[in-house]
Amino acid sequence: MRILPQPLSFDWDKGNIDKNLKKHKLSNKEIEQVFINDKEKFTFEDQKHSVTEKRHGIFGKTDNGKLLSVVFTLRKDKVRVITARSMSKKERRSYEKIKTNSNI
């Protein structure tokens, strides 16, 4: 299932430009690396939180090896990050299991 639009672009505005830096110490550049550079990323639909708009999640790694969990939506074919943070232990186990089972 293809979730991410091509070409890939991001929607950073005053509502989300530095939210993750303040809350989780993650820069927009780091978050974008998960989408752009990580060949082992895993995207999925977030049906539980898709109430007012369709949301998706992505598990992936930054260039420095940080494992991130990102929730995003698509607006006008742009990725709009809702939140990003380091993966929890449970998410890391799921990510490793997915990588192993999909032979990435």
PDB file of N, CA and C in Angstrom:
ATOM      1  N   MET A   1       0.849  -1.172   0.000  1.00  0.00           N
ATOM      2  CA  MET A   1       0.000   0.000   0.000  1.00  0.00           C
ATOM      3  C   MET A   1       0.898   1.240   0.000  1.00  0.00           C
ATOM      4  N   ARG A   2       0.700   2.103  -0.957  1.00  0.00           N
ATOM      5  CA  ARG A   2       1.476   3.337  -1.041  1.00  0.00           C
ATOM      6  C   ARG A   2       0.739   4.455  -0.321  1.00  0.00           C
ATOM      7  N   ILE A   3       1.368   5.003   0.691  1.00  0.00           N
ATOM      8  CA  ILE A   3       0.758   6.090   1.456  1.00  0.00           C
ATOM      9  C   ILE A   3       1.406   7.423   1.095  1.00  0.00           C
ATOM     10  N   LEU A   4       2.723   7.435   0.983  1.00  0.00           N
ATOM     11  CA  LEU A   4       3.454   8.689   0.787  1.00  0.00           C
ATOM     12  C   LEU A   4       3.367   9.184  -0.645  1.00  0.00           C
ATOM     13  N   PRO A   5       3.080  10.459  -0.824  1.00  0.00           N
ATOM     14  CA  PRO A   5       2.994  11.027  -2.174  1.00  0.00           C
ATOM     15  C   PRO A   5       4.388  11.173  -2.798  1.00  0.00           C
ATOM     16  N   GLN A   6       4.413  11.174  -4.104  1.00  0.00           N
ATOM     17  CA  GLN A   6       5.659  11.425  -4.831  1.00  0.00           C
ATOM     18  C   GLN A   6       5.418  12.562  -5.806  1.00  0.00           C
ATOM     19  N   PRO A   7       6.230  13.575  -5.872  1.00  0.00           N
ATOM     20  CA  PRO A   7       7.413  13.784  -5.031  1.00  0.00           C
ATOM     21  C   PRO A   7       6.992  14.121  -3.606  1.00  0.00           C
ATOM     22  N   LEU A   8       7.892  13.842  -2.681  1.00  0.00           N
ATOM     23  CA  LEU A   8       7.624  14.035  -1.265  1.00  0.00           C
ATOM     24  C   LEU A   8       7.916  15.468  -0.852  1.00  0.00           C
ATOM     25  N   SER A   9       6.937  16.111  -0.249  1.00  0.00           N
ATOM     26  CA  SER A   9       7.146  17.457   0.289  1.00  0.00           C
ATOM     27  C   SER A   9       6.404  17.560   1.621  1.00  0.00           C
ATOM     28  N   PHE A  10       6.789  18.565   2.405  1.00  0.00           N
ATOM     29  CA  PHE A  10       6.283  18.693   3.768  1.00  0.00           C
ATOM     30  C   PHE A  10       5.572  20.008   3.968  1.00  0.00           C
ATOM     31  N   ASP A  11       4.590  19.992   4.865  1.00  0.00           N
ATOM     32  CA  ASP A  11       3.819  21.169   5.236  1.00  0.00           C
ATOM     33  C   ASP A  11       4.228  21.567   6.650  1.00  0.00           C
ATOM     34  N   TRP A  12       5.157  22.523   6.755  1.00  0.00           N
ATOM     35  CA  TRP A  12       5.579  23.067   8.051  1.00  0.00           C
ATOM     36  C   TRP A  12       5.077  24.500   8.118  1.00  0.00           C
ATOM     37  N   ASP A  13       4.216  24.788   9.074  1.00  0.00           N
ATOM     38  CA  ASP A  13       3.728  26.152   9.251  1.00  0.00           C
ATOM     39  C   ASP A  13       3.748  26.500  10.733  1.00  0.00           C
ATOM     40  N   LYS A  14       3.218  27.642  11.086  1.00  0.00           N
ATOM     41  CA  LYS A  14       3.305  28.091  12.477  1.00  0.00           C
ATOM     42  C   LYS A  14       2.635  27.118  13.446  1.00  0.00           C
ATOM     43  N   GLY A  15       1.754  26.288  12.969  1.00  0.00           N
ATOM     44  CA  GLY A  15       1.095  25.323  13.834  1.00  0.00           C
ATOM     45  C   GLY A  15       1.942  24.125  14.200  1.00  0.00           C
ATOM     46  N   ASN A  16       2.949  23.808  13.384  1.00  0.00           N
ATOM     47  CA  ASN A  16       3.752  22.624  13.677  1.00  0.00           C
ATOM     48  C   ASN A  16       5.249  22.802  13.424  1.00  0.00           C
ATOM     49  N   ILE A  17       5.705  24.009  13.118  1.00  0.00           N
ATOM     50  CA  ILE A  17       7.097  24.223  12.716  1.00  0.00           C
ATOM     51  C   ILE A  17       8.117  23.829  13.785  1.00  0.00           C
ATOM     52  N   ASP A  18       7.841  24.134  15.042  1.00  0.00           N
ATOM     53  CA  ASP A  18       8.824  23.800  16.080  1.00  0.00           C
ATOM     54  C   ASP A  18       8.214  23.045  17.258  1.00  0.00           C
ATOM     55  N   LYS A  19       7.030  22.529  17.060  1.00  0.00           N
ATOM     56  CA  LYS A  19       6.318  21.812  18.120  1.00  0.00           C
ATOM     57  C   LYS A  19       7.120  20.602  18.614  1.00  0.00           C
ATOM     58  N   ASN A  20       7.664  19.807  17.693  1.00  0.00           N
ATOM     59  CA  ASN A  20       8.383  18.597  18.070  1.00  0.00           C
ATOM     60  C   ASN A  20       9.777  18.892  18.619  1.00  0.00           C
ATOM     61  N   LEU A  21      10.339  20.023  18.230  1.00  0.00           N
ATOM     62  CA  LEU A  21      11.626  20.430  18.796  1.00  0.00           C
ATOM     63  C   LEU A  21      11.443  20.786  20.269  1.00  0.00           C
ATOM     64  N   LYS A  22      10.404  21.542  20.555  1.00  0.00           N
ATOM     65  CA  LYS A  22      10.137  21.948  21.942  1.00  0.00           C
ATOM     66  C   LYS A  22       9.732  20.759  22.808  1.00  0.00           C
ATOM     67  N   LYS A  23       8.859  19.920  22.286  1.00  0.00           N
ATOM     68  CA  LYS A  23       8.278  18.850  23.098  1.00  0.00           C
ATOM     69  C   LYS A  23       9.158  17.598  23.173  1.00  0.00           C
ATOM     70  N   HIS A  24       9.821  17.236  22.058  1.00  0.00           N
ATOM     71  CA  HIS A  24      10.558  15.974  21.996  1.00  0.00           C
ATOM     72  C   HIS A  24      12.014  16.119  21.552  1.00  0.00           C
ATOM     73  N   LYS A  25      12.472  17.365  21.411  1.00  0.00           N
ATOM     74  CA  LYS A  25      13.853  17.654  21.005  1.00  0.00           C
ATOM     75  C   LYS A  25      14.222  17.002  19.666  1.00  0.00           C
ATOM     76  N   LEU A  26      13.272  17.065  18.710  1.00  0.00           N
ATOM     77  CA  LEU A  26      13.487  16.542  17.364  1.00  0.00           C
ATOM     78  C   LEU A  26      13.288  17.665  16.361  1.00  0.00           C
ATOM     79  N   SER A  27      14.296  17.898  15.544  1.00  0.00           N
ATOM     80  CA  SER A  27      14.197  18.939  14.523  1.00  0.00           C
ATOM     81  C   SER A  27      13.368  18.432  13.348  1.00  0.00           C
ATOM     82  N   ASN A  28      12.850  19.355  12.568  1.00  0.00           N
ATOM     83  CA  ASN A  28      12.102  18.987  11.363  1.00  0.00           C
ATOM     84  C   ASN A  28      12.990  18.205  10.403  1.00  0.00           C
ATOM     85  N   LYS A  29      14.258  18.583  10.325  1.00  0.00           N
ATOM     86  CA  LYS A  29      15.207  17.892   9.437  1.00  0.00           C
ATOM     87  C   LYS A  29      15.339  16.417   9.837  1.00  0.00           C
ATOM     88  N   GLU A  30      15.461  16.161  11.149  1.00  0.00           N
ATOM     89  CA  GLU A  30      15.547  14.777  11.617  1.00  0.00           C
ATOM     90  C   GLU A  30      14.288  13.999  11.259  1.00  0.00           C
ATOM     91  N   ILE A  31      13.146  14.611  11.473  1.00  0.00           N
ATOM     92  CA  ILE A  31      11.873  13.943  11.174  1.00  0.00           C
ATOM     93  C   ILE A  31      11.777  13.636   9.679  1.00  0.00           C
ATOM     94  N   GLU A  32      12.161  14.572   8.844  1.00  0.00           N
ATOM     95  CA  GLU A  32      12.114  14.361   7.398  1.00  0.00           C
ATOM     96  C   GLU A  32      13.036  13.226   6.961  1.00  0.00           C
ATOM     97  N   GLN A  33      14.153  13.030   7.661  1.00  0.00           N
ATOM     98  CA  GLN A  33      15.089  11.957   7.312  1.00  0.00           C
ATOM     99  C   GLN A  33      14.414  10.590   7.355  1.00  0.00           C
ATOM    100  N   VAL A  34      13.506  10.396   8.300  1.00  0.00           N
ATOM    101  CA  VAL A  34      12.790   9.124   8.402  1.00  0.00           C
ATOM    102  C   VAL A  34      12.014   8.855   7.115  1.00  0.00           C
ATOM    103  N   PHE A  35      11.350   9.885   6.594  1.00  0.00           N
ATOM    104  CA  PHE A  35      10.554   9.745   5.379  1.00  0.00           C
ATOM    105  C   PHE A  35      11.421   9.596   4.124  1.00  0.00           C
ATOM    106  N   ILE A  36      12.517  10.339   4.068  1.00  0.00           N
ATOM    107  CA  ILE A  36      13.305  10.437   2.843  1.00  0.00           C
ATOM    108  C   ILE A  36      14.428   9.413   2.758  1.00  0.00           C
ATOM    109  N   ASN A  37      15.192   9.256   3.835  1.00  0.00           N
ATOM    110  CA  ASN A  37      16.435   8.487   3.765  1.00  0.00           C
ATOM    111  C   ASN A  37      16.336   7.054   4.266  1.00  0.00           C
ATOM    112  N   ASP A  38      15.393   6.750   5.107  1.00  0.00           N
ATOM    113  CA  ASP A  38      15.330   5.418   5.705  1.00  0.00           C
ATOM    114  C   ASP A  38      14.665   4.425   4.761  1.00  0.00           C
ATOM    115  N   LYS A  39      15.433   3.490   4.267  1.00  0.00           N
ATOM    116  CA  LYS A  39      14.913   2.459   3.353  1.00  0.00           C
ATOM    117  C   LYS A  39      14.132   1.387   4.105  1.00  0.00           C
ATOM    118  N   GLU A  40      14.268   1.347   5.446  1.00  0.00           N
ATOM    119  CA  GLU A  40      13.598   0.334   6.252  1.00  0.00           C
ATOM    120  C   GLU A  40      12.358   0.873   6.967  1.00  0.00           C
ATOM    121  N   LYS A  41      11.928   2.076   6.614  1.00  0.00           N
ATOM    122  CA  LYS A  41      10.756   2.663   7.276  1.00  0.00           C
ATOM    123  C   LYS A  41       9.519   1.815   7.020  1.00  0.00           C
ATOM    124  N   PHE A  42       8.570   1.960   7.922  1.00  0.00           N
ATOM    125  CA  PHE A  42       7.322   1.226   7.807  1.00  0.00           C
ATOM    126  C   PHE A  42       6.177   2.199   8.016  1.00  0.00           C
ATOM    127  N   THR A  43       5.305   2.330   7.038  1.00  0.00           N
ATOM    128  CA  THR A  43       4.158   3.228   7.146  1.00  0.00           C
ATOM    129  C   THR A  43       2.878   2.412   7.321  1.00  0.00           C
ATOM    130  N   PHE A  44       1.918   3.002   8.005  1.00  0.00           N
ATOM    131  CA  PHE A  44       0.668   2.303   8.263  1.00  0.00           C
ATOM    132  C   PHE A  44      -0.444   3.319   8.492  1.00  0.00           C
ATOM    133  N   GLU A  45      -1.671   2.875   8.299  1.00  0.00           N
ATOM    134  CA  GLU A  45      -2.830   3.726   8.573  1.00  0.00           C
ATOM    135  C   GLU A  45      -3.112   3.720  10.069  1.00  0.00           C
ATOM    136  N   ASP A  46      -3.436   4.878  10.615  1.00  0.00           N
ATOM    137  CA  ASP A  46      -3.778   5.020  12.030  1.00  0.00           C
ATOM    138  C   ASP A  46      -5.291   5.172  12.127  1.00  0.00           C
ATOM    139  N   GLN A  47      -6.000   4.069  11.971  1.00  0.00           N
ATOM    140  CA  GLN A  47      -7.459   4.099  11.940  1.00  0.00           C
ATOM    141  C   GLN A  47      -8.057   4.560  13.265  1.00  0.00           C
ATOM    142  N   LYS A  48      -7.394   4.239  14.365  1.00  0.00           N
ATOM    143  CA  LYS A  48      -7.906   4.600  15.685  1.00  0.00           C
ATOM    144  C   LYS A  48      -8.025   6.118  15.859  1.00  0.00           C
ATOM    145  N   HIS A  49      -7.085   6.870  15.272  1.00  0.00           N
ATOM    146  CA  HIS A  49      -7.068   8.324  15.452  1.00  0.00           C
ATOM    147  C   HIS A  49      -7.527   9.094  14.211  1.00  0.00           C
ATOM    148  N   SER A  50      -8.090   8.403  13.247  1.00  0.00           N
ATOM    149  CA  SER A  50      -8.563   9.050  12.019  1.00  0.00           C
ATOM    150  C   SER A  50     -10.017   9.467  12.171  1.00  0.00           C
ATOM    151  N   VAL A  51     -10.268  10.414  13.044  1.00  0.00           N
ATOM    152  CA  VAL A  51     -11.636  10.845  13.304  1.00  0.00           C
ATOM    153  C   VAL A  51     -12.031  11.975  12.358  1.00  0.00           C
ATOM    154  N   THR A  52     -11.312  13.099  12.398  1.00  0.00           N
ATOM    155  CA  THR A  52     -11.659  14.243  11.544  1.00  0.00           C
ATOM    156  C   THR A  52     -10.890  14.240  10.227  1.00  0.00           C
ATOM    157  N   GLU A  53      -9.752  13.561  10.190  1.00  0.00           N
ATOM    158  CA  GLU A  53      -9.002  13.401   8.938  1.00  0.00           C
ATOM    159  C   GLU A  53      -8.216  12.098   9.016  1.00  0.00           C
ATOM    160  N   LYS A  54      -7.877  11.553   7.860  1.00  0.00           N
ATOM    161  CA  LYS A  54      -7.156  10.288   7.811  1.00  0.00           C
ATOM    162  C   LYS A  54      -5.725  10.491   8.309  1.00  0.00           C
ATOM    163  N   ARG A  55      -5.331   9.692   9.285  1.00  0.00           N
ATOM    164  CA  ARG A  55      -3.978   9.779   9.846  1.00  0.00           C
ATOM    165  C   ARG A  55      -3.190   8.517   9.550  1.00  0.00           C
ATOM    166  N   HIS A  56      -1.884   8.696   9.510  1.00  0.00           N
ATOM    167  CA  HIS A  56      -0.962   7.606   9.240  1.00  0.00           C
ATOM    168  C   HIS A  56       0.158   7.651  10.257  1.00  0.00           C
ATOM    169  N   GLY A  57       0.846   6.530  10.367  1.00  0.00           N
ATOM    170  CA  GLY A  57       2.023   6.472  11.221  1.00  0.00           C
ATOM    171  C   GLY A  57       3.204   5.981  10.415  1.00  0.00           C
ATOM    172  N   ILE A  58       4.385   6.283  10.912  1.00  0.00           N
ATOM    173  CA  ILE A  58       5.598   5.780  10.290  1.00  0.00           C
ATOM    174  C   ILE A  58       6.590   5.469  11.398  1.00  0.00           C
ATOM    175  N   PHE A  59       7.217   4.301  11.298  1.00  0.00           N
ATOM    176  CA  PHE A  59       8.317   3.927  12.167  1.00  0.00           C
ATOM    177  C   PHE A  59       9.559   3.975  11.295  1.00  0.00           C
ATOM    178  N   GLY A  60      10.603   4.651  11.772  1.00  0.00           N
ATOM    179  CA  GLY A  60      11.817   4.716  10.977  1.00  0.00           C
ATOM    180  C   GLY A  60      12.986   5.274  11.753  1.00  0.00           C
ATOM    181  N   LYS A  61      14.098   5.400  11.045  1.00  0.00           N
ATOM    182  CA  LYS A  61      15.362   5.776  11.648  1.00  0.00           C
ATOM    183  C   LYS A  61      15.916   7.044  11.004  1.00  0.00           C
ATOM    184  N   THR A  62      16.486   7.929  11.851  1.00  0.00           N
ATOM    185  CA  THR A  62      17.151   9.125  11.337  1.00  0.00           C
ATOM    186  C   THR A  62      18.546   8.744  10.849  1.00  0.00           C
ATOM    187  N   ASP A  63      19.222   9.681  10.206  1.00  0.00           N
ATOM    188  CA  ASP A  63      20.585   9.433   9.740  1.00  0.00           C
ATOM    189  C   ASP A  63      21.531   9.120  10.889  1.00  0.00           C
ATOM    190  N   ASN A  64      21.217   9.615  12.095  1.00  0.00           N
ATOM    191  CA  ASN A  64      22.044   9.360  13.279  1.00  0.00           C
ATOM    192  C   ASN A  64      21.603   8.116  14.041  1.00  0.00           C
ATOM    193  N   GLY A  65      20.636   7.373  13.504  1.00  0.00           N
ATOM    194  CA  GLY A  65      20.218   6.128  14.121  1.00  0.00           C
ATOM    195  C   GLY A  65      19.120   6.233  15.164  1.00  0.00           C
ATOM    196  N   LYS A  66      18.537   7.409  15.341  1.00  0.00           N
ATOM    197  CA  LYS A  66      17.411   7.537  16.278  1.00  0.00           C
ATOM    198  C   LYS A  66      16.189   6.852  15.677  1.00  0.00           C
ATOM    199  N   LEU A  67      15.534   6.033  16.477  1.00  0.00           N
ATOM    200  CA  LEU A  67      14.305   5.375  16.036  1.00  0.00           C
ATOM    201  C   LEU A  67      13.130   6.253  16.409  1.00  0.00           C
ATOM    202  N   LEU A  68      12.357   6.668  15.394  1.00  0.00           N
ATOM    203  CA  LEU A  68      11.253   7.596  15.620  1.00  0.00           C
ATOM    204  C   LEU A  68       9.905   6.976  15.274  1.00  0.00           C
ATOM    205  N   SER A  69       8.906   7.437  15.988  1.00  0.00           N
ATOM    206  CA  SER A  69       7.512   7.145  15.700  1.00  0.00           C
ATOM    207  C   SER A  69       6.872   8.478  15.330  1.00  0.00           C
ATOM    208  N   VAL A  70       6.306   8.549  14.133  1.00  0.00           N
ATOM    209  CA  VAL A  70       5.750   9.803  13.629  1.00  0.00           C
ATOM    210  C   VAL A  70       4.299   9.579  13.222  1.00  0.00           C
ATOM    211  N   VAL A  71       3.439  10.491  13.620  1.00  0.00           N
ATOM    212  CA  VAL A  71       2.043  10.487  13.176  1.00  0.00           C
ATOM    213  C   VAL A  71       1.883  11.665  12.221  1.00  0.00           C
ATOM    214  N   PHE A  72       1.253  11.407  11.084  1.00  0.00           N
ATOM    215  CA  PHE A  72       1.115  12.458  10.074  1.00  0.00           C
ATOM    216  C   PHE A  72      -0.184  12.300   9.308  1.00  0.00           C
ATOM    217  N   THR A  73      -0.519  13.355   8.587  1.00  0.00           N
ATOM    218  CA  THR A  73      -1.651  13.321   7.680  1.00  0.00           C
ATOM    219  C   THR A  73      -1.170  13.888   6.348  1.00  0.00           C
ATOM    220  N   LEU A  74      -1.976  13.752   5.326  1.00  0.00           N
ATOM    221  CA  LEU A  74      -1.641  14.317   4.014  1.00  0.00           C
ATOM    222  C   LEU A  74      -2.609  15.446   3.724  1.00  0.00           C
ATOM    223  N   ARG A  75      -2.064  16.599   3.398  1.00  0.00           N
ATOM    224  CA  ARG A  75      -2.878  17.751   3.015  1.00  0.00           C
ATOM    225  C   ARG A  75      -2.336  18.305   1.714  1.00  0.00           C
ATOM    226  N   LYS A  76      -3.182  18.285   0.693  1.00  0.00           N
ATOM    227  CA  LYS A  76      -2.797  18.773  -0.633  1.00  0.00           C
ATOM    228  C   LYS A  76      -1.495  18.124  -1.090  1.00  0.00           C
ATOM    229  N   ASP A  77      -1.416  16.799  -0.945  1.00  0.00           N
ATOM    230  CA  ASP A  77      -0.254  15.998  -1.345  1.00  0.00           C
ATOM    231  C   ASP A  77       1.039  16.397  -0.639  1.00  0.00           C
ATOM    232  N   LYS A  78       0.911  16.951   0.563  1.00  0.00           N
ATOM    233  CA  LYS A  78       2.076  17.256   1.388  1.00  0.00           C
ATOM    234  C   LYS A  78       1.941  16.523   2.712  1.00  0.00           C
ATOM    235  N   VAL A  79       3.079  16.074   3.237  1.00  0.00           N
ATOM    236  CA  VAL A  79       3.103  15.421   4.536  1.00  0.00           C
ATOM    237  C   VAL A  79       3.033  16.499   5.610  1.00  0.00           C
ATOM    238  N   ARG A  80       2.046  16.392   6.483  1.00  0.00           N
ATOM    239  CA  ARG A  80       1.934  17.310   7.615  1.00  0.00           C
ATOM    240  C   ARG A  80       2.111  16.479   8.884  1.00  0.00           C
ATOM    241  N   VAL A  81       3.232  16.693   9.556  1.00  0.00           N
ATOM    242  CA  VAL A  81       3.544  15.951  10.765  1.00  0.00           C
ATOM    243  C   VAL A  81       2.686  16.466  11.919  1.00  0.00           C
ATOM    244  N   ILE A  82       2.019  15.556  12.581  1.00  0.00           N
ATOM    245  CA  ILE A  82       1.204  15.897  13.740  1.00  0.00           C
ATOM    246  C   ILE A  82       2.049  15.793  14.999  1.00  0.00           C
ATOM    247  N   THR A  83       2.788  14.692  15.128  1.00  0.00           N
ATOM    248  CA  THR A  83       3.703  14.534  16.249  1.00  0.00           C
ATOM    249  C   THR A  83       4.799  13.552  15.878  1.00  0.00           C
ATOM    250  N   ALA A  84       5.944  13.713  16.506  1.00  0.00           N
ATOM    251  CA  ALA A  84       7.081  12.815  16.318  1.00  0.00           C
ATOM    252  C   ALA A  84       7.799  12.688  17.648  1.00  0.00           C
ATOM    253  N   ARG A  85       8.236  11.461  17.941  1.00  0.00           N
ATOM    254  CA  ARG A  85       8.951  11.217  19.189  1.00  0.00           C
ATOM    255  C   ARG A  85       9.786   9.952  19.030  1.00  0.00           C
ATOM    256  N   SER A  86      10.650   9.718  19.994  1.00  0.00           N
ATOM    257  CA  SER A  86      11.411   8.472  20.005  1.00  0.00           C
ATOM    258  C   SER A  86      10.451   7.309  20.194  1.00  0.00           C
ATOM    259  N   MET A  87      10.762   6.185  19.552  1.00  0.00           N
ATOM    260  CA  MET A  87       9.905   5.004  19.691  1.00  0.00           C
ATOM    261  C   MET A  87       9.928   4.497  21.127  1.00  0.00           C
ATOM    262  N   SER A  88       8.788   4.015  21.557  1.00  0.00           N
ATOM    263  CA  SER A  88       8.701   3.332  22.844  1.00  0.00           C
ATOM    264  C   SER A  88       9.329   1.943  22.688  1.00  0.00           C
ATOM    265  N   LYS A  89       9.568   1.262  23.789  1.00  0.00           N
ATOM    266  CA  LYS A  89      10.121  -0.103  23.732  1.00  0.00           C
ATOM    267  C   LYS A  89       9.198  -1.021  22.935  1.00  0.00           C
ATOM    268  N   LYS A  90       7.910  -0.882  23.147  1.00  0.00           N
ATOM    269  CA  LYS A  90       6.933  -1.714  22.427  1.00  0.00           C
ATOM    270  C   LYS A  90       6.988  -1.428  20.925  1.00  0.00           C
ATOM    271  N   GLU A  91       7.088  -0.151  20.554  1.00  0.00           N
ATOM    272  CA  GLU A  91       7.170   0.208  19.130  1.00  0.00           C
ATOM    273  C   GLU A  91       8.471  -0.304  18.514  1.00  0.00           C
ATOM    274  N   ARG A  92       9.581  -0.248  19.275  1.00  0.00           N
ATOM    275  CA  ARG A  92      10.861  -0.766  18.765  1.00  0.00           C
ATOM    276  C   ARG A  92      10.761  -2.257  18.496  1.00  0.00           C
ATOM    277  N   ARG A  93      10.131  -2.991  19.404  1.00  0.00           N
ATOM    278  CA  ARG A  93       9.963  -4.438  19.199  1.00  0.00           C
ATOM    279  C   ARG A  93       9.120  -4.699  17.947  1.00  0.00           C
ATOM    280  N   SER A  94       8.048  -3.932  17.769  1.00  0.00           N
ATOM    281  CA  SER A  94       7.194  -4.087  16.580  1.00  0.00           C
ATOM    282  C   SER A  94       7.976  -3.771  15.312  1.00  0.00           C
ATOM    283  N   TYR A  95       8.747  -2.684  15.340  1.00  0.00           N
ATOM    284  CA  TYR A  95       9.551  -2.268  14.183  1.00  0.00           C
ATOM    285  C   TYR A  95      10.555  -3.353  13.809  1.00  0.00           C
ATOM    286  N   GLU A  96      11.255  -3.892  14.800  1.00  0.00           N
ATOM    287  CA  GLU A  96      12.240  -4.949  14.537  1.00  0.00           C
ATOM    288  C   GLU A  96      11.559  -6.212  14.003  1.00  0.00           C
ATOM    289  N   LYS A  97      10.398  -6.540  14.543  1.00  0.00           N
ATOM    290  CA  LYS A  97       9.656  -7.699  14.078  1.00  0.00           C
ATOM    291  C   LYS A  97       9.195  -7.524  12.623  1.00  0.00           C
ATOM    292  N   ILE A  98       8.714  -6.325  12.314  1.00  0.00           N
ATOM    293  CA  ILE A  98       8.276  -6.033  10.947  1.00  0.00           C
ATOM    294  C   ILE A  98       9.449  -6.143   9.980  1.00  0.00           C
ATOM    295  N   LYS A  99      10.597  -5.564  10.353  1.00  0.00           N
ATOM    296  CA  LYS A  99      11.787  -5.647   9.489  1.00  0.00           C
ATOM    297  C   LYS A  99      12.199  -7.100   9.261  1.00  0.00           C
ATOM    298  N   THR A 100      12.187  -7.892  10.328  1.00  0.00           N
ATOM    299  CA  THR A 100      12.581  -9.301  10.218  1.00  0.00           C
ATOM    300  C   THR A 100      11.613 -10.082   9.350  1.00  0.00           C
ATOM    301  N   ASN A 101      10.333  -9.881   9.557  1.00  0.00           N
ATOM    302  CA  ASN A 101       9.321 -10.638   8.813  1.00  0.00           C
ATOM    303  C   ASN A 101       9.185 -10.200   7.356  1.00  0.00           C
ATOM    304  N   SER A 102       9.562  -8.958   7.049  1.00  0.00           N
ATOM    305  CA  SER A 102       9.419  -8.505   5.661  1.00  0.00           C
ATOM    306  C   SER A 102      10.729  -8.617   4.891  1.00  0.00           C
ATOM    307  N   ASN A 103      11.772  -9.104   5.538  1.00  0.00           N
ATOM    308  CA  ASN A 103      13.086  -9.271   4.901  1.00  0.00           C
ATOM    309  C   ASN A 103      13.595  -7.990   4.266  1.00  0.00           C
ATOM    310  N   ILE A 104      13.479  -6.877   4.980  1.00  0.00           N
ATOM    311  CA  ILE A 104      13.955  -5.584   4.482  1.00  0.00           C
ATOM    312  C   ILE A 104      15.456  -5.596   4.456  1.00  0.00           C
TER     313      ILE A 104
END
